[in-house]
Amino acid sequence: MKSHFKFTQKQRSGIFLLLVFIVILQCVYFFVVKIAPDSYRDGISSEEISINQGELEKFQNEVDSLRLVEIEKRKPKIYPFNPNFITDYKGYTLGMTNEEIDRLLKFREQNKWVNSSKEFQMVTKISDSLLSAISPYFKFPDWVTNPKPKNTFAYQNNNSPKSYDEKIDLNTATISQLRKVNGIGEKLSERIIKYRNKFVGGFISDVQLQDIYGLTPEVIERVLNQFTVKTPRQVVKFNLNEVTRDQLVTIQHIDYELAYEIIEQRTLRDGYNSLDELAKVKGFPIDKIEIIKLYLTLD
C-alpha cells in the first residue's frame, strides 16, 4: 500500500492541477447551470405574468361564458304547456313533489279544470318560488285567456212565454230572431229555416219542430214561448178510412210497408174510429204520430 502513495515531483504537480481543474469545473457548473438559469427563468416568468395578466383574465372570462352556455344547453328545455295535462314525469321535471302532482291529478279526476296560475297553486299548493319559475310557461286555451264578450241581447226575456199576438210567426222568422232563444245557435237556426224552406208555404204546425235534428224538447218549448205558426201551409188531408196506399206514402214518415200495415189494420177493424188508433199499427212511429195526423182526417 505504501508504494501507492509515493509520487514524484511531476506526479504531485499533475495531481494538483487535476484537482484545481475539477474545482473550476464544479464552480462553473454551479453558477452557469444552476444559479443563472433559475434567475433567468424567474425573470422571464415575472415579466410574462405582469405583461399578459389582462389577456389571461379575458381568456378566463371567455372560458367561463362558454362553460355557462354549455350548462344551459344541457338543461332540459321547457316549452309552453297546459298545466291541466301535467303527468307524473312532467311534474317531476318541473320540480313538483309527488304530493303536489297527486293533488292536481285528483282535481282533474273530478272533471274540473285549472284556468289560472293562482288556481293552479291553490290546487297543488306549490311554493311561490316554484310557481314564479314555471308559471311563465303556462298556456291556457284562448277561450280562457281571451273570453269573447257575451251577447247580452241573445238571452233576454227568452224564457217567459209571450201571448199569441206577441209571438213571431215561425214561417217568417229570421235566423237572427231565432238565435235570441236560449239554446238556439247559428247551426240550429239554419236547420229550422232549411227545414221550413223544404215545403212551399213552410210549416203546417208547431209540432213539426220535432222533426228538426238537434232540437231537444226543452229547446222546442223555449222556441214556442217566442214563436208559433200563424200562417200554416195548406195541405190536402186524406180520409184515413178511404186513403189508398199510394196516397199514404206521400205523407212524411210513412213508407210502403207501413202503408200496407195501416190499410190491413183498417180492414181488420172495419175502419178506424180515431186517428190515435194508428199507434196500434205494427211498426208505426209513435213519436211521429202528431206530425202524421196533420195529413189525415176521419171526415
Protein backbone atom coordinates (compact mmCIF):
# COMPACT_ATOMS: atom_id res chain seq x y z
CA MET A 1 0.00 0.00 0.00
CA LYS A 2 2.85 2.33 0.71
CA SER A 3 4.04 2.23 -2.85
CA HIS A 4 0.66 3.64 -4.00
CA PHE A 5 1.13 6.91 -2.11
CA LYS A 6 4.63 7.70 -3.24
CA PHE A 7 4.66 10.28 -6.10
CA THR A 8 7.41 12.09 -7.91
CA GLN A 9 7.56 15.86 -8.16
CA LYS A 10 5.91 15.85 -11.59
CA GLN A 11 3.19 13.47 -10.47
CA ARG A 12 2.29 15.67 -7.50
CA SER A 13 2.15 18.72 -9.74
CA GLY A 14 -0.15 16.87 -12.15
CA ILE A 15 -2.46 15.73 -9.36
CA PHE A 16 -2.65 19.27 -8.00
CA LEU A 17 -3.52 20.69 -11.41
CA LEU A 18 -6.17 17.98 -11.87
CA LEU A 19 -7.78 18.91 -8.55
CA VAL A 20 -7.74 22.61 -9.44
CA PHE A 21 -9.36 21.85 -12.80
CA ILE A 22 -12.06 19.76 -11.12
CA VAL A 23 -12.82 22.55 -8.65
CA ILE A 24 -13.08 25.07 -11.51
CA LEU A 25 -15.46 22.81 -13.40
CA GLN A 26 -17.65 22.44 -10.31
CA CYS A 27 -17.80 26.21 -9.87
CA VAL A 28 -18.71 26.73 -13.49
CA TYR A 29 -21.48 24.12 -13.28
CA PHE A 30 -22.90 25.66 -10.10
CA PHE A 31 -23.03 29.25 -11.37
CA VAL A 32 -23.84 28.66 -15.04
CA VAL A 33 -26.15 25.65 -14.99
CA LYS A 34 -27.83 26.04 -11.59
CA ILE A 35 -27.98 29.66 -10.42
CA ALA A 36 -28.03 31.52 -13.73
CA PRO A 37 -30.87 29.51 -15.40
CA ASP A 38 -33.05 29.77 -12.29
CA SER A 39 -32.60 33.54 -12.19
CA TYR A 40 -33.23 33.75 -15.91
CA ARG A 41 -36.39 31.74 -15.70
CA ASP A 42 -37.64 33.70 -12.68
CA GLY A 43 -37.11 36.92 -14.55
CA ILE A 44 -38.98 35.73 -17.62
CA SER A 45 -41.87 34.36 -15.51
CA SER A 46 -42.29 37.57 -13.58
CA GLU A 47 -42.20 39.60 -16.74
CA GLU A 48 -44.77 37.43 -18.58
CA ILE A 49 -47.28 37.47 -15.67
CA SER A 50 -47.22 41.23 -15.43
CA ILE A 51 -47.49 41.74 -19.17
CA ASN A 52 -50.23 39.16 -20.03
CA GLN A 53 -52.46 39.50 -16.97
CA GLY A 54 -55.23 41.32 -18.91
CA GLU A 55 -55.28 38.80 -21.73
CA LEU A 56 -55.31 35.97 -19.22
CA GLU A 57 -58.37 37.40 -17.50
CA LYS A 58 -60.07 37.91 -20.85
CA PHE A 59 -59.37 34.32 -21.83
CA GLN A 60 -60.66 33.08 -18.47
CA ASN A 61 -63.90 35.05 -18.92
CA GLU A 62 -64.43 33.51 -22.35
CA VAL A 63 -63.90 30.04 -20.92
CA ASP A 64 -66.38 30.75 -18.12
CA SER A 65 -69.01 32.08 -20.52
CA LEU A 66 -68.63 29.04 -22.79
CA ARG A 67 -68.99 26.80 -19.76
CA LEU A 68 -72.23 28.56 -18.76
CA VAL A 69 -73.59 28.27 -22.30
CA GLU A 70 -72.85 24.56 -22.30
CA ILE A 71 -74.56 24.13 -18.93
CA GLU A 72 -77.66 25.93 -20.22
CA LYS A 73 -77.71 23.72 -23.32
CA ARG A 74 -77.67 20.60 -21.18
CA LYS A 75 -80.64 21.76 -19.11
CA PRO A 76 -84.00 20.31 -20.29
CA LYS A 77 -85.84 22.98 -22.30
CA ILE A 78 -89.38 23.83 -21.19
CA TYR A 79 -91.96 24.61 -23.87
CA PRO A 80 -95.35 26.28 -23.23
CA PHE A 81 -97.87 23.73 -21.95
CA ASN A 82 -101.36 23.46 -20.48
CA PRO A 83 -100.92 22.72 -16.74
CA ASN A 84 -104.15 20.70 -16.74
CA PHE A 85 -102.34 17.89 -18.56
CA ILE A 86 -99.22 17.58 -16.36
CA THR A 87 -98.16 13.94 -15.98
CA ASP A 88 -96.09 12.40 -13.19
CA TYR A 89 -92.92 12.66 -15.28
CA LYS A 90 -93.66 16.22 -16.40
CA GLY A 91 -94.33 17.31 -12.84
CA TYR A 92 -91.09 15.69 -11.68
CA THR A 93 -89.05 17.53 -14.32
CA LEU A 94 -90.69 20.81 -13.26
CA GLY A 95 -89.63 20.25 -9.66
CA MET A 96 -93.02 19.30 -8.18
CA THR A 97 -93.28 16.77 -5.37
CA ASN A 98 -95.38 13.60 -5.60
CA GLU A 99 -97.97 15.09 -3.23
CA GLU A 100 -98.36 18.21 -5.38
CA ILE A 101 -98.77 16.14 -8.54
CA ASP A 102 -101.32 13.85 -6.85
CA ARG A 103 -103.41 16.86 -5.77
CA LEU A 104 -103.62 18.04 -9.36
CA LEU A 105 -104.49 14.58 -10.69
CA LYS A 106 -107.27 14.12 -8.11
CA PHE A 107 -108.64 17.55 -9.02
CA ARG A 108 -108.72 16.61 -12.71
CA GLU A 109 -110.40 13.28 -11.97
CA GLN A 110 -113.45 15.31 -10.88
CA ASN A 111 -113.63 16.69 -14.43
CA LYS A 112 -112.54 20.11 -13.16
CA TRP A 113 -110.11 22.46 -14.90
CA VAL A 114 -107.40 24.83 -13.74
CA ASN A 115 -107.89 28.17 -15.50
CA SER A 116 -105.20 30.38 -13.95
CA SER A 117 -101.78 30.27 -12.27
CA LYS A 118 -103.34 31.26 -8.96
CA GLU A 119 -105.87 28.43 -9.18
CA PHE A 120 -103.04 26.01 -10.05
CA GLN A 121 -101.24 26.99 -6.85
CA MET A 122 -104.43 26.66 -4.79
CA VAL A 123 -104.96 23.12 -6.08
CA THR A 124 -101.37 21.85 -5.92
CA LYS A 125 -100.16 24.02 -3.00
CA ILE A 126 -96.76 24.58 -4.66
CA SER A 127 -94.45 27.26 -3.29
CA ASP A 128 -94.38 30.83 -4.60
CA SER A 129 -90.82 30.39 -5.87
CA LEU A 130 -91.71 27.30 -7.92
CA LEU A 131 -94.85 28.97 -9.25
CA SER A 132 -92.89 32.02 -10.41
CA ALA A 133 -90.41 29.72 -12.14
CA ILE A 134 -92.92 27.60 -14.10
CA SER A 135 -95.99 29.83 -14.49
CA PRO A 136 -94.45 31.80 -17.43
CA TYR A 137 -94.69 28.55 -19.42
CA PHE A 138 -98.41 28.01 -18.68
CA LYS A 139 -100.56 28.16 -21.80
CA PHE A 140 -104.31 28.16 -21.25
CA PRO A 141 -106.87 27.89 -24.09
CA ASP A 142 -107.83 31.11 -25.87
CA TRP A 143 -111.40 30.91 -24.57
CA VAL A 144 -109.93 31.15 -21.04
CA THR A 145 -107.32 33.84 -21.63
CA ASN A 146 -109.37 35.88 -24.13
CA PRO A 147 -113.04 35.14 -23.49
CA LYS A 148 -115.40 36.59 -26.06
CA PRO A 149 -117.88 39.14 -24.74
CA LYS A 150 -121.30 37.66 -24.29
CA ASN A 151 -124.13 38.92 -26.45
CA THR A 152 -126.40 40.38 -23.82
CA PHE A 153 -129.25 40.55 -26.27
CA ALA A 154 -129.13 36.85 -27.04
CA TYR A 155 -130.82 35.64 -23.89
CA GLN A 156 -133.07 38.50 -22.85
CA ASN A 157 -136.60 37.52 -21.84
CA ASN A 158 -136.39 34.28 -23.82
CA ASN A 159 -137.85 32.03 -21.12
CA SER A 160 -141.01 33.95 -20.34
CA PRO A 161 -143.90 32.88 -22.61
CA LYS A 162 -145.47 35.53 -24.82
CA SER A 163 -149.08 35.83 -25.83
CA TYR A 164 -150.18 34.63 -29.24
CA ASP A 165 -150.24 38.17 -30.61
CA GLU A 166 -146.72 38.85 -29.27
CA LYS A 167 -145.23 35.71 -30.77
CA ILE A 168 -143.38 35.78 -34.09
CA ASP A 169 -144.65 33.66 -36.97
CA LEU A 170 -142.37 30.66 -37.47
CA ASN A 171 -142.97 30.87 -41.22
CA THR A 172 -141.50 34.39 -41.36
CA ALA A 173 -138.89 34.20 -38.57
CA THR A 174 -135.29 35.04 -39.47
CA ILE A 175 -132.07 33.39 -38.32
CA SER A 176 -131.13 36.36 -36.15
CA GLN A 177 -134.54 36.27 -34.42
CA LEU A 178 -134.29 32.53 -33.74
CA ARG A 179 -130.78 32.88 -32.33
CA LYS A 180 -132.11 35.01 -29.50
CA VAL A 181 -133.66 31.89 -27.97
CA ASN A 182 -131.53 30.26 -25.29
CA GLY A 183 -130.14 27.06 -26.80
CA ILE A 184 -130.52 28.10 -30.45
CA GLY A 185 -127.21 28.88 -32.10
CA GLU A 186 -126.24 29.56 -35.68
CA LYS A 187 -126.47 25.92 -36.81
CA LEU A 188 -129.84 25.15 -35.23
CA SER A 189 -131.37 28.36 -36.52
CA GLU A 190 -130.13 27.50 -40.02
CA ARG A 191 -131.62 23.98 -39.73
CA ILE A 192 -135.02 25.40 -38.78
CA ILE A 193 -135.02 27.74 -41.78
CA LYS A 194 -133.75 24.99 -44.09
CA TYR A 195 -136.47 22.57 -42.95
CA ARG A 196 -139.13 25.25 -43.40
CA ASN A 197 -137.93 26.00 -46.93
CA LYS A 198 -138.26 22.33 -47.95
CA PHE A 199 -142.00 22.89 -48.25
CA VAL A 200 -143.74 25.55 -50.28
CA GLY A 201 -145.54 27.54 -47.64
CA GLY A 202 -143.37 26.42 -44.71
CA PHE A 203 -144.66 24.83 -41.52
CA ILE A 204 -148.12 23.36 -41.06
CA SER A 205 -147.94 23.31 -37.26
CA ASP A 206 -145.57 23.90 -34.34
CA VAL A 207 -145.29 20.13 -33.84
CA GLN A 208 -143.08 19.87 -36.93
CA LEU A 209 -140.18 21.28 -34.90
CA GLN A 210 -139.83 17.73 -33.55
CA ASP A 211 -138.54 16.70 -36.98
CA ILE A 212 -135.52 19.01 -36.77
CA TYR A 213 -132.33 17.23 -35.66
CA GLY A 214 -130.73 18.67 -32.53
CA LEU A 215 -133.83 20.33 -31.07
CA THR A 216 -134.47 18.87 -27.63
CA PRO A 217 -137.94 19.09 -26.02
CA GLU A 218 -136.62 21.79 -23.66
CA VAL A 219 -135.32 23.94 -26.53
CA ILE A 220 -138.54 23.42 -28.52
CA GLU A 221 -140.50 24.64 -25.51
CA ARG A 222 -138.36 27.79 -25.32
CA VAL A 223 -138.81 28.36 -29.08
CA LEU A 224 -142.59 28.05 -28.79
CA ASN A 225 -142.59 30.59 -25.97
CA GLN A 226 -141.50 33.15 -28.56
CA PHE A 227 -142.67 31.72 -31.91
CA THR A 228 -145.64 29.89 -33.38
CA VAL A 229 -147.05 29.03 -36.80
CA LYS A 230 -149.52 31.81 -37.60
CA THR A 231 -149.74 31.24 -41.37
CA PRO A 232 -149.78 27.43 -41.73
CA ARG A 233 -149.11 25.79 -45.05
CA GLN A 234 -152.30 24.46 -46.64
CA VAL A 235 -152.27 20.73 -47.29
CA VAL A 236 -154.78 18.21 -48.67
CA LYS A 237 -155.90 15.88 -45.89
CA PHE A 238 -156.78 12.26 -46.63
CA ASN A 239 -159.65 10.41 -45.01
CA LEU A 240 -157.97 7.64 -43.05
CA ASN A 241 -160.78 5.18 -43.80
CA GLU A 242 -160.60 5.84 -47.56
CA VAL A 243 -156.96 6.71 -48.27
CA THR A 244 -155.03 4.47 -50.67
CA ARG A 245 -151.54 3.09 -50.19
CA ASP A 246 -150.08 5.41 -52.87
CA GLN A 247 -151.61 8.39 -51.10
CA LEU A 248 -150.30 7.28 -47.69
CA VAL A 249 -146.69 7.09 -48.89
CA THR A 250 -146.81 10.81 -49.78
CA ILE A 251 -147.12 11.56 -46.06
CA GLN A 252 -143.96 12.13 -44.02
CA HIS A 253 -142.65 9.10 -42.09
CA ILE A 254 -144.89 6.60 -43.94
CA ASP A 255 -143.31 4.12 -46.34
CA TYR A 256 -144.93 1.35 -48.43
CA GLU A 257 -144.58 -1.27 -45.73
CA LEU A 258 -146.21 0.93 -43.10
CA ALA A 259 -148.92 2.00 -45.55
CA TYR A 260 -149.74 -1.68 -46.14
CA GLU A 261 -149.99 -2.31 -42.38
CA ILE A 262 -152.30 0.73 -41.92
CA ILE A 263 -154.70 -0.47 -44.63
CA GLU A 264 -154.51 -4.06 -43.33
CA GLN A 265 -155.39 -2.89 -39.83
CA ARG A 266 -158.23 -0.75 -41.23
CA THR A 267 -159.71 -3.84 -42.93
CA LEU A 268 -159.46 -5.91 -39.75
CA ARG A 269 -161.04 -3.16 -37.64
CA ASP A 270 -163.71 -2.41 -40.22
CA GLY A 271 -162.46 1.15 -40.22
CA TYR A 272 -160.77 3.48 -37.71
CA ASN A 273 -162.78 5.35 -35.10
CA SER A 274 -159.91 7.64 -34.08
CA LEU A 275 -156.60 8.80 -35.52
CA ASP A 276 -154.94 7.73 -32.27
CA GLU A 277 -155.67 4.10 -33.18
CA LEU A 278 -152.76 4.36 -35.65
CA ALA A 279 -150.45 3.87 -32.67
CA LYS A 280 -151.60 0.22 -32.55
CA VAL A 281 -150.46 -0.47 -36.12
CA LYS A 282 -147.40 -2.70 -36.35
CA GLY A 283 -144.20 -0.68 -36.88
CA PHE A 284 -145.94 2.68 -36.54
CA PRO A 285 -143.57 5.53 -35.39
CA ILE A 286 -145.47 6.60 -32.29
CA ASP A 287 -143.19 9.60 -31.67
CA LYS A 288 -144.21 10.98 -35.10
CA ILE A 289 -147.98 10.41 -34.78
CA GLU A 290 -148.79 14.10 -34.22
CA ILE A 291 -146.94 15.03 -37.43
CA ILE A 292 -148.65 12.25 -39.42
CA LYS A 293 -152.07 13.30 -38.10
CA LEU A 294 -151.57 16.69 -39.81
CA TYR A 295 -152.23 14.97 -43.14
CA LEU A 296 -155.20 12.77 -42.13
CA THR A 297 -158.82 13.15 -41.15
CA LEU A 298 -161.83 10.92 -40.41
CA ASP A 299 -164.40 13.21 -42.05
